Protein backbone atom coordinates (compact mmCIF):
# COMPACT_ATOMS: atom_id res chain seq x y z
CA UNK A 1 67.21 -37.02 31.05
CA UNK A 2 67.02 -34.46 28.26
CA UNK A 3 64.35 -31.79 28.71
CA UNK A 4 62.55 -30.63 25.57
CA UNK A 5 62.61 -26.92 24.84
CA UNK A 6 59.41 -24.95 24.97
CA UNK A 7 59.45 -24.58 21.16
CA UNK A 8 59.81 -28.35 20.70
CA UNK A 9 57.00 -28.94 23.16
CA UNK A 10 54.72 -26.47 21.38
CA UNK A 11 55.47 -27.86 17.92
CA UNK A 12 54.51 -31.34 19.06
CA UNK A 13 51.08 -30.14 20.14
CA UNK A 14 48.11 -29.49 17.94
CA UNK A 15 48.66 -26.12 16.26
CA UNK A 16 45.02 -25.03 16.42
CA UNK A 17 44.00 -24.29 20.02
CA UNK A 18 40.95 -25.99 21.43
CA UNK A 19 38.03 -23.59 21.65
CA UNK A 20 34.75 -23.81 23.50
CA UNK A 21 32.01 -26.25 22.52
CA UNK A 22 29.84 -23.24 21.75
CA UNK A 23 32.23 -22.05 19.04
CA UNK A 24 33.43 -25.41 17.72
CA UNK A 25 30.09 -27.20 17.71
CA UNK A 26 27.03 -25.01 18.27
CA UNK A 27 28.26 -22.15 16.06
CA UNK A 28 30.26 -24.30 13.64
CA UNK A 29 30.38 -23.12 10.04
CA UNK A 30 29.19 -19.87 8.53
CA UNK A 31 25.94 -18.54 9.89
CA UNK A 32 23.42 -17.02 7.45
CA UNK A 33 24.46 -13.55 8.58
CA UNK A 34 28.15 -14.33 8.03
CA UNK A 35 27.26 -15.73 4.61
CA UNK A 36 25.37 -12.56 3.71
CA UNK A 37 28.15 -10.26 4.90
CA UNK A 38 30.93 -12.23 3.19
CA UNK A 39 29.08 -12.53 -0.11
CA UNK A 40 28.74 -8.75 -0.21
CA UNK A 41 32.44 -8.08 0.48
CA UNK A 42 34.40 -6.54 -2.41
CA UNK A 43 37.08 -9.21 -2.00
CA UNK A 44 34.58 -12.04 -2.50
CA UNK A 45 33.02 -10.30 -5.49
CA UNK A 46 36.42 -9.75 -7.13
CA UNK A 47 37.28 -13.42 -6.54
CA UNK A 48 34.34 -14.26 -8.81
CA UNK A 49 35.83 -12.09 -11.54
CA UNK A 50 33.29 -9.31 -11.02
CA UNK A 51 33.70 -5.56 -10.63
CA UNK A 52 32.12 -4.56 -7.28
CA UNK A 53 31.06 -1.21 -8.79
CA UNK A 54 28.93 -3.03 -11.37
CA UNK A 55 27.27 -5.44 -8.92
CA UNK A 56 23.64 -4.69 -8.09
CA UNK A 57 22.92 -5.87 -4.57
CA UNK A 58 19.50 -6.84 -3.32
CA UNK A 59 21.27 -8.47 -0.41
CA UNK A 60 21.98 -5.68 2.04
CA UNK A 61 19.94 -5.62 5.22
CA UNK A 62 20.51 -1.93 5.62
CA UNK A 63 18.96 1.41 4.82
CA UNK A 64 20.68 4.00 2.67
CA UNK A 65 18.78 7.26 3.18
CA UNK A 66 20.64 10.33 4.38
CA UNK A 67 20.68 10.94 8.12
CA UNK A 68 19.10 14.22 9.28
CA UNK A 69 21.38 17.22 8.96
CA UNK A 70 20.33 18.23 12.47
CA UNK A 71 21.85 15.03 13.83
CA UNK A 72 25.15 15.66 12.04
CA UNK A 73 25.24 19.23 13.34
CA UNK A 74 24.68 18.04 16.90
CA UNK A 75 27.63 15.67 16.71
CA UNK A 76 29.72 18.59 15.44
CA UNK A 77 28.53 20.76 18.32
CA UNK A 78 29.58 18.14 20.87
CA UNK A 79 32.96 17.54 19.27
CA UNK A 80 33.70 21.26 18.86
CA UNK A 81 32.77 22.10 22.46
CA UNK A 82 35.71 21.24 24.72
CA UNK A 83 33.54 20.75 27.82
CA UNK A 84 30.85 18.67 26.07
CA UNK A 85 33.42 16.50 24.34
CA UNK A 86 35.15 15.90 27.66
CA UNK A 87 31.83 14.84 29.20
CA UNK A 88 31.17 12.47 26.30
CA UNK A 89 34.18 10.44 27.40
CA UNK A 90 32.79 9.75 30.86
CA UNK A 91 30.90 6.66 31.98
CA UNK A 92 27.15 6.94 31.83
CA UNK A 93 24.96 5.19 34.42
CA UNK A 94 24.64 1.45 33.81
CA UNK A 95 20.98 1.92 32.87
CA UNK A 96 21.92 4.74 30.49
CA UNK A 97 21.98 8.53 30.40
CA UNK A 98 18.89 9.93 32.15
CA UNK A 99 18.40 12.78 29.67
CA UNK A 100 18.41 10.36 26.74
CA UNK A 101 15.93 8.03 28.44
CA UNK A 102 13.66 11.01 29.18
CA UNK A 103 13.78 12.13 25.56
CA UNK A 104 12.94 8.59 24.40
CA UNK A 105 9.79 8.86 26.53
CA UNK A 106 8.90 12.15 24.83
CA UNK A 107 9.59 10.59 21.43
CA UNK A 108 7.33 7.60 22.11
CA UNK A 109 4.57 9.83 23.47
CA UNK A 110 4.62 12.38 20.65
CA UNK A 111 5.06 10.00 17.71
CA UNK A 112 3.33 6.82 18.93
CA UNK A 113 1.09 7.84 21.83
CA UNK A 114 2.81 5.90 24.65
CA UNK A 115 1.61 8.29 27.34
CA UNK A 116 2.38 6.10 30.33
CA UNK A 117 6.02 5.30 29.53
CA UNK A 118 8.58 6.49 32.13
CA UNK A 119 12.40 6.67 32.09
CA UNK A 120 12.38 3.83 34.65
CA UNK A 121 10.93 1.62 31.88
CA UNK A 122 13.92 2.25 29.61
CA UNK A 123 17.45 0.85 29.53
CA UNK A 124 20.02 1.99 26.97
CA UNK A 125 22.51 -0.34 25.33
CA UNK A 126 24.94 -0.74 22.50
CA UNK A 127 22.45 -2.02 19.93
CA UNK A 128 19.31 -4.09 19.60
CA UNK A 129 21.56 -7.06 18.77
CA UNK A 130 23.38 -6.83 22.11
CA UNK A 131 20.16 -6.05 23.96
CA UNK A 132 18.36 -9.03 22.46
CA UNK A 133 21.06 -11.31 23.83
CA UNK A 134 20.65 -9.73 27.27
CA UNK A 135 16.85 -9.98 27.20
CA UNK A 136 17.14 -13.71 26.61
CA UNK A 137 19.41 -14.05 29.64
CA UNK A 138 17.01 -12.07 31.83
CA UNK A 139 13.76 -13.77 30.79
CA UNK A 140 14.92 -17.38 30.35
CA UNK A 141 17.06 -20.04 31.95
CA UNK A 142 19.42 -22.10 29.76
CA UNK A 143 17.46 -25.02 28.34
CA UNK A 144 14.09 -23.23 28.35
CA UNK A 145 12.49 -22.91 24.89
CA UNK A 146 12.38 -19.71 22.85
CA UNK A 147 9.85 -19.20 20.06
CA UNK A 148 9.80 -17.26 16.79
CA UNK A 149 7.38 -16.77 13.97
CA UNK A 150 8.58 -18.66 10.91
CA UNK A 151 10.28 -17.12 8.99
CA UNK A 152 12.33 -14.86 11.22
CA UNK A 153 15.57 -12.88 11.42
CA UNK A 154 18.48 -15.23 10.85
CA UNK A 155 20.71 -13.73 13.57
CA UNK A 156 18.26 -14.70 16.32
CA UNK A 157 19.18 -18.37 16.10
CA UNK A 158 22.84 -17.93 16.96
CA UNK A 159 21.89 -15.38 19.62
CA UNK A 160 19.86 -18.08 21.38
CA UNK A 161 22.77 -20.51 21.09
CA UNK A 162 25.11 -17.96 22.69
CA UNK A 163 22.78 -16.69 25.41
CA UNK A 164 20.93 -19.90 26.29
CA UNK A 165 23.00 -23.00 25.59
CA UNK A 166 20.87 -26.03 24.76
CA UNK A 167 17.62 -24.08 24.70
CA UNK A 168 15.29 -25.47 22.02
CA UNK A 169 14.06 -23.12 19.29
CA UNK A 170 10.39 -23.50 18.40
CA UNK A 171 8.87 -22.03 15.26
CA UNK A 172 5.29 -20.81 14.93
CA UNK A 173 4.25 -21.12 11.25
CA UNK A 174 3.44 -17.80 9.58
CA UNK A 175 4.43 -18.24 5.92
CA UNK A 176 2.82 -20.96 3.82
CA UNK A 177 5.54 -22.11 1.37
CA UNK A 178 2.97 -23.58 -1.03
CA UNK A 179 0.66 -20.57 -1.39
CA UNK A 180 3.33 -18.04 -0.37
CA UNK A 181 0.82 -16.29 1.90
CA UNK A 182 1.55 -14.80 5.33
CA UNK A 183 -0.65 -15.60 8.35
CA UNK A 184 -3.52 -16.57 6.07
CA UNK A 185 -4.76 -18.85 8.88
CA UNK A 186 -3.97 -16.90 12.08
CA UNK A 187 -6.10 -19.19 14.25
CA UNK A 188 -3.86 -22.11 13.31
CA UNK A 189 -0.78 -20.13 14.33
CA UNK A 190 -2.42 -19.10 17.60
CA UNK A 191 -3.18 -22.72 18.37
CA UNK A 192 0.51 -23.54 17.96
CA UNK A 193 1.37 -20.68 20.35
CA UNK A 194 -1.06 -22.12 22.91
CA UNK A 195 0.43 -25.60 22.58
CA UNK A 196 3.96 -24.26 22.95
CA UNK A 197 3.02 -22.24 26.04
CA UNK A 198 1.51 -25.33 27.62
CA UNK A 199 4.87 -27.04 27.03
CA UNK A 200 6.83 -24.27 28.72
CA UNK A 201 7.51 -21.60 26.10
CA UNK A 202 9.04 -18.63 27.94
CA UNK A 203 9.53 -16.07 25.17
CA UNK A 204 8.04 -15.46 21.73
CA UNK A 205 9.92 -12.99 19.54
CA UNK A 206 8.27 -11.04 16.70
CA UNK A 207 10.06 -8.35 14.65
CA UNK A 208 7.60 -5.61 13.61
CA UNK A 209 7.93 -4.98 10.70
CA UNK A 210 9.42 -8.39 10.12
CA UNK A 211 12.81 -9.33 8.75
CA UNK A 212 12.87 -11.06 6.24
CA UNK A 213 9.24 -10.71 5.11
CA UNK A 214 8.50 -7.03 5.93
CA UNK A 215 5.09 -8.15 7.17
CA UNK A 216 3.18 -6.79 10.19
CA UNK A 217 0.79 -9.22 11.91
CA UNK A 218 -2.68 -7.86 12.61
CA UNK A 219 -3.33 -6.16 15.94
CA UNK A 220 -5.96 -8.80 16.73
CA UNK A 221 -3.40 -11.57 16.23
CA UNK A 222 -0.80 -9.81 18.38
CA UNK A 223 -3.35 -9.06 21.09
CA UNK A 224 -4.24 -12.75 21.26
CA UNK A 225 -0.58 -13.75 21.42
CA UNK A 226 0.08 -11.32 24.28
CA UNK A 227 -2.95 -12.60 26.19
CA UNK A 228 -1.79 -16.21 25.82
CA UNK A 229 1.73 -15.45 27.02
CA UNK A 230 0.50 -13.29 29.90
CA UNK A 231 -1.81 -16.07 31.09
CA UNK A 232 1.03 -18.62 31.06
CA UNK A 233 3.71 -16.38 32.57
CA UNK A 234 5.68 -15.92 29.36
CA UNK A 235 6.86 -12.81 27.54
CA UNK A 236 6.17 -11.33 24.13
CA UNK A 237 9.21 -9.55 22.68
CA UNK A 238 8.72 -7.07 19.84
CA UNK A 239 11.85 -6.21 17.90
CA UNK A 240 11.14 -2.69 16.63
CA UNK A 241 14.37 -2.20 14.66
CA UNK A 242 12.22 -1.18 11.66
CA UNK A 243 9.38 0.43 13.63
CA UNK A 244 9.65 3.85 11.98
CA UNK A 245 9.44 2.27 8.51
CA UNK A 246 5.80 1.17 8.44
CA UNK A 247 3.66 1.73 5.36
CA UNK A 248 0.00 2.75 5.36
CA UNK A 249 -1.91 3.06 8.61
CA UNK A 250 0.16 2.88 11.79
CA UNK A 251 -0.43 -0.41 13.67
CA UNK A 252 -2.07 -0.07 17.09
CA UNK A 253 0.59 -2.26 18.65
CA UNK A 254 3.10 0.58 18.17
CA UNK A 255 1.38 2.39 21.02
CA UNK A 256 1.47 -0.54 23.46
CA UNK A 257 3.36 0.38 26.58
CA UNK A 258 5.23 -2.19 28.69
CA UNK A 259 4.19 -0.11 31.68
CA UNK A 260 0.62 -1.24 31.03
CA UNK A 261 1.56 -4.70 29.68
CA UNK A 262 4.09 -6.20 32.08
CA UNK A 263 4.63 -9.26 29.84
CA UNK A 264 5.64 -7.14 26.83
CA UNK A 265 9.26 -6.21 26.09
CA UNK A 266 10.23 -4.05 23.12
CA UNK A 267 13.65 -3.62 21.47
CA UNK A 268 14.59 -0.39 19.69
CA UNK A 269 17.51 0.98 17.72
CA UNK A 270 18.57 4.15 15.90
CA UNK A 271 20.28 2.07 13.20
CA UNK A 272 17.60 1.98 10.51
CA UNK A 273 15.39 5.06 10.83
CA UNK A 274 18.25 7.47 11.63
CA UNK A 275 20.56 5.80 9.09
CA UNK A 276 22.98 5.16 11.95
CA UNK A 277 23.98 1.55 11.33
CA UNK A 278 27.52 2.19 12.53
CA UNK A 279 26.57 4.58 15.35
CA UNK A 280 25.52 1.85 17.73
CA UNK A 281 22.81 2.78 20.21
CA UNK A 282 19.66 0.92 21.17
CA UNK A 283 17.23 0.70 24.05
CA UNK A 284 14.71 -1.59 25.70
CA UNK A 285 11.27 -0.67 26.99
CA UNK A 286 9.95 -3.05 29.65
CA UNK A 287 8.38 -3.39 33.07
CA UNK A 288 10.61 -2.04 35.84
CA UNK A 289 11.26 -5.57 37.14
CA UNK A 290 12.66 -6.59 33.76
CA UNK A 291 14.68 -3.37 33.54
CA UNK A 292 16.18 -4.16 36.95
CA UNK A 293 17.30 -7.56 35.69
CA UNK A 294 18.73 -6.03 32.52
CA UNK A 295 20.75 -3.55 34.58
CA UNK A 296 22.50 -6.47 36.25
CA UNK A 297 23.35 -7.99 32.87
CA UNK A 298 24.40 -4.60 31.43
CA UNK A 299 26.89 -4.25 34.26
CA UNK A 300 28.71 -7.42 33.24
CA UNK A 301 28.32 -7.28 29.45
CA UNK A 302 28.48 -3.56 28.64
CA UNK A 303 29.08 -1.66 31.91
CA UNK A 304 28.19 1.69 30.33
CA UNK A 305 26.18 2.58 27.21
CA UNK A 306 27.93 4.91 24.75
CA UNK A 307 27.89 8.41 26.24
CA UNK A 308 28.63 10.33 23.02
CA UNK A 309 25.78 8.73 21.11
CA UNK A 310 23.43 9.10 24.09
CA UNK A 311 24.21 12.80 24.34
CA UNK A 312 23.68 13.30 20.61
CA UNK A 313 20.40 11.40 20.47
CA UNK A 314 19.04 13.20 23.54
CA UNK A 315 19.78 16.57 21.97
CA UNK A 316 18.46 15.47 18.58
CA UNK A 317 15.14 14.25 19.98
CA UNK A 318 14.71 17.33 22.16
CA UNK A 319 15.36 19.72 19.29
CA UNK A 320 13.35 17.97 16.57
CA UNK A 321 10.37 17.21 18.79
CA UNK A 322 10.20 20.85 19.83
CA UNK A 323 10.06 22.20 16.27
CA UNK A 324 8.05 19.22 14.90
CA UNK A 325 10.69 18.37 12.29
CA UNK A 326 11.09 14.82 13.60
CA UNK A 327 7.62 13.75 12.50
CA UNK A 328 8.29 15.25 9.08
CA UNK A 329 11.58 13.38 8.80
CA UNK A 330 9.98 10.06 9.74
CA UNK A 331 7.12 10.69 7.30
CA UNK A 332 9.52 11.51 4.47
CA UNK A 333 11.68 8.48 5.22
CA UNK A 334 8.70 6.14 5.28
CA UNK A 335 7.50 7.63 1.99
CA UNK A 336 10.90 7.10 0.39
CA UNK A 337 11.00 3.39 1.23
CA UNK A 338 7.33 2.87 0.39
CA UNK A 339 7.98 4.26 -3.11
CA UNK A 340 11.11 2.12 -3.41
CA UNK A 341 9.18 -0.98 -2.39
CA UNK A 342 6.52 -0.17 -5.00
CA UNK A 343 9.19 0.00 -7.72
CA UNK A 344 10.53 -3.37 -6.61
CA UNK A 345 7.06 -5.00 -6.56
CA UNK A 346 5.98 -3.60 -9.93
CA UNK A 347 9.22 -4.64 -11.60
CA UNK A 348 9.11 -8.13 -10.10
CA UNK A 349 5.56 -8.54 -11.39
CA UNK A 350 6.28 -7.15 -14.86
CA UNK A 351 9.67 -8.79 -15.53
CA UNK A 352 9.63 -12.03 -13.52
CA UNK A 353 6.09 -12.80 -12.40
CA UNK A 354 7.38 -14.41 -9.21
CA UNK A 355 5.23 -15.00 -6.19
CA UNK A 356 6.23 -12.45 -3.58
CA UNK A 357 5.12 -10.77 -0.38
CA UNK A 358 3.91 -7.17 -0.46
CA UNK A 359 5.88 -5.23 2.18
CA UNK A 360 3.91 -3.59 4.99
CA UNK A 361 7.07 -1.74 5.99
CA UNK A 362 10.76 -2.45 6.36
CA UNK A 363 13.26 -3.12 3.59
CA UNK A 364 12.47 -6.53 2.11
CA UNK A 365 10.33 -8.87 0.11
CA UNK A 366 10.58 -12.65 -0.12
CA UNK A 367 10.08 -14.91 -3.13
CA UNK A 368 10.28 -18.65 -3.77
CA UNK A 369 13.45 -19.76 -5.55
CA UNK A 370 12.64 -20.38 -9.25
CA UNK A 371 11.84 -24.02 -10.01
CA UNK A 372 12.40 -24.83 -6.31
CA UNK A 373 16.15 -24.85 -6.87
CA UNK A 374 18.60 -24.86 -3.97
CA UNK A 375 18.66 -21.18 -2.89
CA UNK A 376 22.39 -20.98 -2.13
CA UNK A 377 23.41 -22.56 -5.45
CA UNK A 378 20.95 -20.35 -7.34
CA UNK A 379 22.25 -17.19 -5.65
CA UNK A 380 25.90 -18.07 -6.30
CA UNK A 381 25.32 -18.90 -9.97
CA UNK A 382 23.17 -15.82 -10.47
CA UNK A 383 25.82 -13.57 -8.94
CA UNK A 384 28.61 -15.00 -11.11
CA UNK A 385 26.53 -14.81 -14.29
CA UNK A 386 24.80 -11.45 -13.82
CA UNK A 387 26.45 -9.49 -11.04
CA UNK A 388 23.16 -9.41 -9.11
CA UNK A 389 23.22 -10.42 -5.46
CA UNK A 390 20.22 -11.97 -3.71
CA UNK A 391 20.15 -13.60 -0.28
CA UNK A 392 19.25 -17.28 0.13
CA UNK A 393 16.40 -17.91 2.54
CA UNK A 394 18.24 -20.73 4.28
CA UNK A 395 18.63 -19.77 7.93
CA UNK A 396 15.54 -17.55 8.11
CA UNK A 397 13.40 -20.48 9.25
CA UNK A 398 12.06 -23.75 7.79
CA UNK A 399 9.51 -22.05 5.53
CA UNK A 400 12.29 -20.13 3.72
CA UNK A 401 14.41 -23.20 2.96
CA UNK A 402 13.50 -22.75 -0.72
CA UNK A 403 13.09 -19.00 -0.63
CA UNK A 404 14.98 -15.80 -1.39
CA UNK A 405 15.15 -12.45 0.40
CA UNK A 406 15.40 -9.32 -1.74
CA UNK A 407 16.27 -5.99 -0.12
CA UNK A 408 15.39 -2.68 -1.72
CA UNK A 409 16.86 -0.68 1.18
CA UNK A 410 20.32 0.09 -0.27
CA UNK A 411 18.75 1.32 -3.54
CA UNK A 412 16.29 3.85 -2.10
CA UNK A 413 17.85 6.61 -4.23
CA UNK A 414 18.62 4.40 -7.24
CA UNK A 415 15.33 3.01 -8.47
CA UNK A 416 16.73 2.55 -11.95
CA UNK A 417 19.20 0.00 -10.59
CA UNK A 418 16.32 -2.00 -9.12
CA UNK A 419 14.83 -2.23 -12.62
CA UNK A 420 18.20 -3.06 -14.18
CA UNK A 421 18.94 -5.76 -11.59
CA UNK A 422 15.62 -7.52 -12.06
CA UNK A 423 16.02 -7.31 -15.87
CA UNK A 424 19.42 -9.01 -15.53
CA UNK A 425 17.74 -11.81 -13.55
CA UNK A 426 15.08 -12.15 -16.24
CA UNK A 427 17.68 -12.41 -19.02
CA UNK A 428 19.60 -15.03 -17.03
CA UNK A 429 16.49 -17.14 -16.47
CA UNK A 430 15.53 -16.92 -20.14
CA UNK A 431 18.95 -18.24 -21.14
CA UNK A 432 18.95 -21.09 -18.62
CA UNK A 433 15.46 -22.44 -19.30
């Protein structure tokens, strides 16, 4: 009997290996985040016959202000010091560098008034994205429901699919697609939260300020939500990725401490406010019981938070809190994006007259797609015709199925390009009436 060679055996089998059900079924196709990232790639733009340098992007979910010079100098100090650089290559504790966690406490106390927060309430991680995944694993069992305000950050959906297979995702309505108003009827939304909690909702996640709407729910609304979840044994999770970018009066909820509210968990990151999107470091503030659970997950998923970034952030916070320059930096950064948002809103009103949400912080506004067209088709045709990139609302929740997200974050120093981009859209719409 003739034995087939290994190469013959392999060629007779299916060439594409079988992957997990999670990848092949639950995560099948491009996610909204993948769509956003791929549309913005130079290669994709060139494939449309466009020059990437001439494209005006309202698509980027990122900031573009300059990081503090003090932070850059601190990284240089660590790298130039043989002993410090050597230490930056060592493992940190699983829960994170103690000096960094202590400085985070000082930061929260001095900027936001969280006087009761302790290092034992803080766990460091790679990023708020990684930490969100871990929080889900700590607070929920697979199959238990997770809730979000609608609309919400598109990446959350796949995070739930990865962390909690077969867990249902429940949306609490916040945006009215007909009136394009946000939480105009908060009592109705609270009633949905109550109903969901009675049915077993374990976690409700709210980004503050929100992505994609840049809205901040009222303190009264958030207080009621926390009371409902506390009474039913659930958890309220604030994603504070954009916390330092609020406009106007600071929300009271920014001073809520998980040490005093054991059913509150908050996610934080240096990505946006320190313009450190690629320098990945985040942290969680939570009750010590939750932190203990997260330490177990961190051990298996991350093992050790980044020591170099932890050292740099600890030194940065210590230095800038001592000389009061940190508050000035945050104030200047908030002012920059508030002015940029105002340029975007004024130009939208003057040139397009679209319904839109007025940002209360963050980097975005949302608008209905003109003439209720399919958002993805509209965005693709607009990009090819004008070189202006918007983001389709599909994937940000049911209420955004006919909406668009516009980001002013990447253009914080180029207000004239905001005006030019919106004028291009206006000319396109005039031609295609």
